Amino acid sequence: MTQHTHTTHPSKEAVRALMERRRTEQSPPPAPERIREQLGWWLIPANKLA
């Protein structure tokens, strides 16, 4: 059985605004753990650490 998830995608304008903000920020990028948390990877059973 195939499991499907419903994801939403931001608009092109929202992505451009985010990329522009990140380009002008002086702070380092977020840690990989923070990115995974923001993306909700922990919701996928295969991505959970044993």
N, C-alpha and C. Protein backbone atom coordinates (compact mmCIF):
# COMPACT_ATOMS: atom_id res chain seq x y z
N MET A 1 0.84 -1.18 0.00
CA MET A 1 0.00 0.00 0.00
C MET A 1 0.89 1.24 0.00
N THR A 2 0.59 2.15 -0.88
CA THR A 2 1.36 3.38 -0.98
C THR A 2 0.74 4.44 -0.08
N GLN A 3 1.58 5.09 0.67
CA GLN A 3 1.11 6.13 1.57
C GLN A 3 1.38 7.48 0.93
N HIS A 4 0.35 8.29 0.81
CA HIS A 4 0.50 9.61 0.20
C HIS A 4 0.36 10.67 1.28
N THR A 5 1.15 11.70 1.15
CA THR A 5 1.02 12.84 2.05
C THR A 5 0.60 14.06 1.24
N HIS A 6 -0.07 14.92 1.88
CA HIS A 6 -0.50 16.16 1.23
C HIS A 6 0.39 17.28 1.75
N THR A 7 1.17 17.83 0.86
CA THR A 7 2.04 18.93 1.24
C THR A 7 1.59 20.19 0.52
N THR A 8 1.87 21.30 1.13
CA THR A 8 1.57 22.57 0.49
C THR A 8 2.88 23.23 0.09
N HIS A 9 2.84 23.98 -0.96
CA HIS A 9 4.02 24.66 -1.45
C HIS A 9 3.79 26.16 -1.36
N PRO A 10 4.82 26.90 -0.94
CA PRO A 10 4.67 28.35 -0.88
C PRO A 10 4.63 28.94 -2.28
N SER A 11 4.10 30.14 -2.38
CA SER A 11 4.04 30.81 -3.68
C SER A 11 5.45 31.21 -4.11
N LYS A 12 5.61 31.47 -5.38
CA LYS A 12 6.91 31.91 -5.90
C LYS A 12 7.34 33.20 -5.21
N GLU A 13 6.38 34.08 -4.97
CA GLU A 13 6.71 35.35 -4.33
C GLU A 13 7.22 35.13 -2.91
N ALA A 14 6.58 34.20 -2.18
CA ALA A 14 7.02 33.92 -0.81
C ALA A 14 8.43 33.33 -0.80
N VAL A 15 8.71 32.45 -1.75
CA VAL A 15 10.05 31.85 -1.83
C VAL A 15 11.07 32.92 -2.17
N ARG A 16 10.75 33.78 -3.10
CA ARG A 16 11.69 34.86 -3.48
C ARG A 16 11.95 35.79 -2.30
N ALA A 17 10.90 36.11 -1.54
CA ALA A 17 11.07 36.98 -0.38
C ALA A 17 11.96 36.31 0.67
N LEU A 18 11.73 35.03 0.91
CA LEU A 18 12.55 34.28 1.86
C LEU A 18 14.01 34.24 1.41
N MET A 19 14.24 33.95 0.15
CA MET A 19 15.60 33.87 -0.37
C MET A 19 16.29 35.24 -0.28
N GLU A 20 15.56 36.28 -0.53
CA GLU A 20 16.14 37.63 -0.44
C GLU A 20 16.51 37.96 1.01
N ARG A 21 15.62 37.61 1.96
CA ARG A 21 15.94 37.84 3.37
C ARG A 21 17.17 37.04 3.79
N ARG A 22 17.23 35.79 3.38
CA ARG A 22 18.39 34.96 3.73
C ARG A 22 19.67 35.48 3.11
N ARG A 23 19.57 36.00 1.89
CA ARG A 23 20.76 36.51 1.20
C ARG A 23 21.33 37.72 1.92
N THR A 24 20.46 38.54 2.49
CA THR A 24 20.91 39.77 3.14
C THR A 24 21.23 39.58 4.62
N GLU A 25 20.84 38.43 5.20
CA GLU A 25 21.14 38.18 6.61
C GLU A 25 22.62 37.91 6.81
N GLN A 26 23.11 38.26 7.96
CA GLN A 26 24.49 38.02 8.30
C GLN A 26 24.66 36.79 9.18
N SER A 27 23.56 36.14 9.53
CA SER A 27 23.64 34.99 10.43
C SER A 27 23.92 33.70 9.63
N PRO A 28 24.52 32.72 10.29
CA PRO A 28 24.78 31.45 9.61
C PRO A 28 23.48 30.70 9.35
N PRO A 29 23.49 29.75 8.42
CA PRO A 29 22.27 28.98 8.17
C PRO A 29 21.90 28.12 9.38
N PRO A 30 20.64 27.72 9.48
CA PRO A 30 20.22 26.91 10.63
C PRO A 30 20.91 25.54 10.60
N ALA A 31 20.97 24.92 11.77
CA ALA A 31 21.56 23.59 11.90
C ALA A 31 20.67 22.57 11.18
N PRO A 32 21.26 21.48 10.67
CA PRO A 32 20.46 20.46 9.98
C PRO A 32 19.30 19.94 10.83
N GLU A 33 19.51 19.80 12.15
CA GLU A 33 18.44 19.32 13.01
C GLU A 33 17.25 20.29 13.01
N ARG A 34 17.55 21.58 13.00
CA ARG A 34 16.49 22.61 12.98
C ARG A 34 15.74 22.57 11.66
N ILE A 35 16.45 22.36 10.57
CA ILE A 35 15.81 22.28 9.25
C ILE A 35 14.88 21.07 9.22
N ARG A 36 15.36 19.93 9.70
CA ARG A 36 14.52 18.73 9.74
C ARG A 36 13.27 18.96 10.57
N GLU A 37 13.43 19.64 11.69
CA GLU A 37 12.30 19.95 12.57
C GLU A 37 11.29 20.83 11.84
N GLN A 38 11.77 21.86 11.15
CA GLN A 38 10.89 22.78 10.45
C GLN A 38 10.15 22.10 9.30
N LEU A 39 10.81 21.13 8.67
CA LEU A 39 10.19 20.42 7.57
C LEU A 39 9.24 19.32 8.02
N GLY A 40 9.27 18.99 9.31
CA GLY A 40 8.40 17.97 9.84
C GLY A 40 8.84 16.56 9.49
N TRP A 41 10.13 16.37 9.27
CA TRP A 41 10.63 15.04 8.91
C TRP A 41 10.35 14.02 10.00
N TRP A 42 10.21 14.46 11.23
CA TRP A 42 9.96 13.54 12.33
C TRP A 42 8.59 12.88 12.19
N LEU A 43 7.72 13.40 11.34
CA LEU A 43 6.39 12.82 11.14
C LEU A 43 6.44 11.54 10.31
N ILE A 44 7.51 11.34 9.56
CA ILE A 44 7.66 10.16 8.70
C ILE A 44 8.37 9.08 9.50
N PRO A 45 7.71 7.94 9.70
CA PRO A 45 8.30 6.87 10.52
C PRO A 45 9.71 6.47 10.09
N ALA A 46 9.99 6.44 8.80
CA ALA A 46 11.31 6.03 8.30
C ALA A 46 12.40 7.02 8.70
N ASN A 47 12.05 8.25 9.03
CA ASN A 47 13.03 9.26 9.39
C ASN A 47 13.30 9.34 10.89
N LYS A 48 12.56 8.57 11.67
CA LYS A 48 12.77 8.58 13.12
C LYS A 48 14.02 7.78 13.46
N LEU A 49 14.79 8.29 14.39
CA LEU A 49 15.99 7.59 14.82
C LEU A 49 15.61 6.46 15.76
N ALA A 50 16.27 5.35 15.62
CA ALA A 50 15.98 4.18 16.47
C ALA A 50 16.61 4.35 17.82
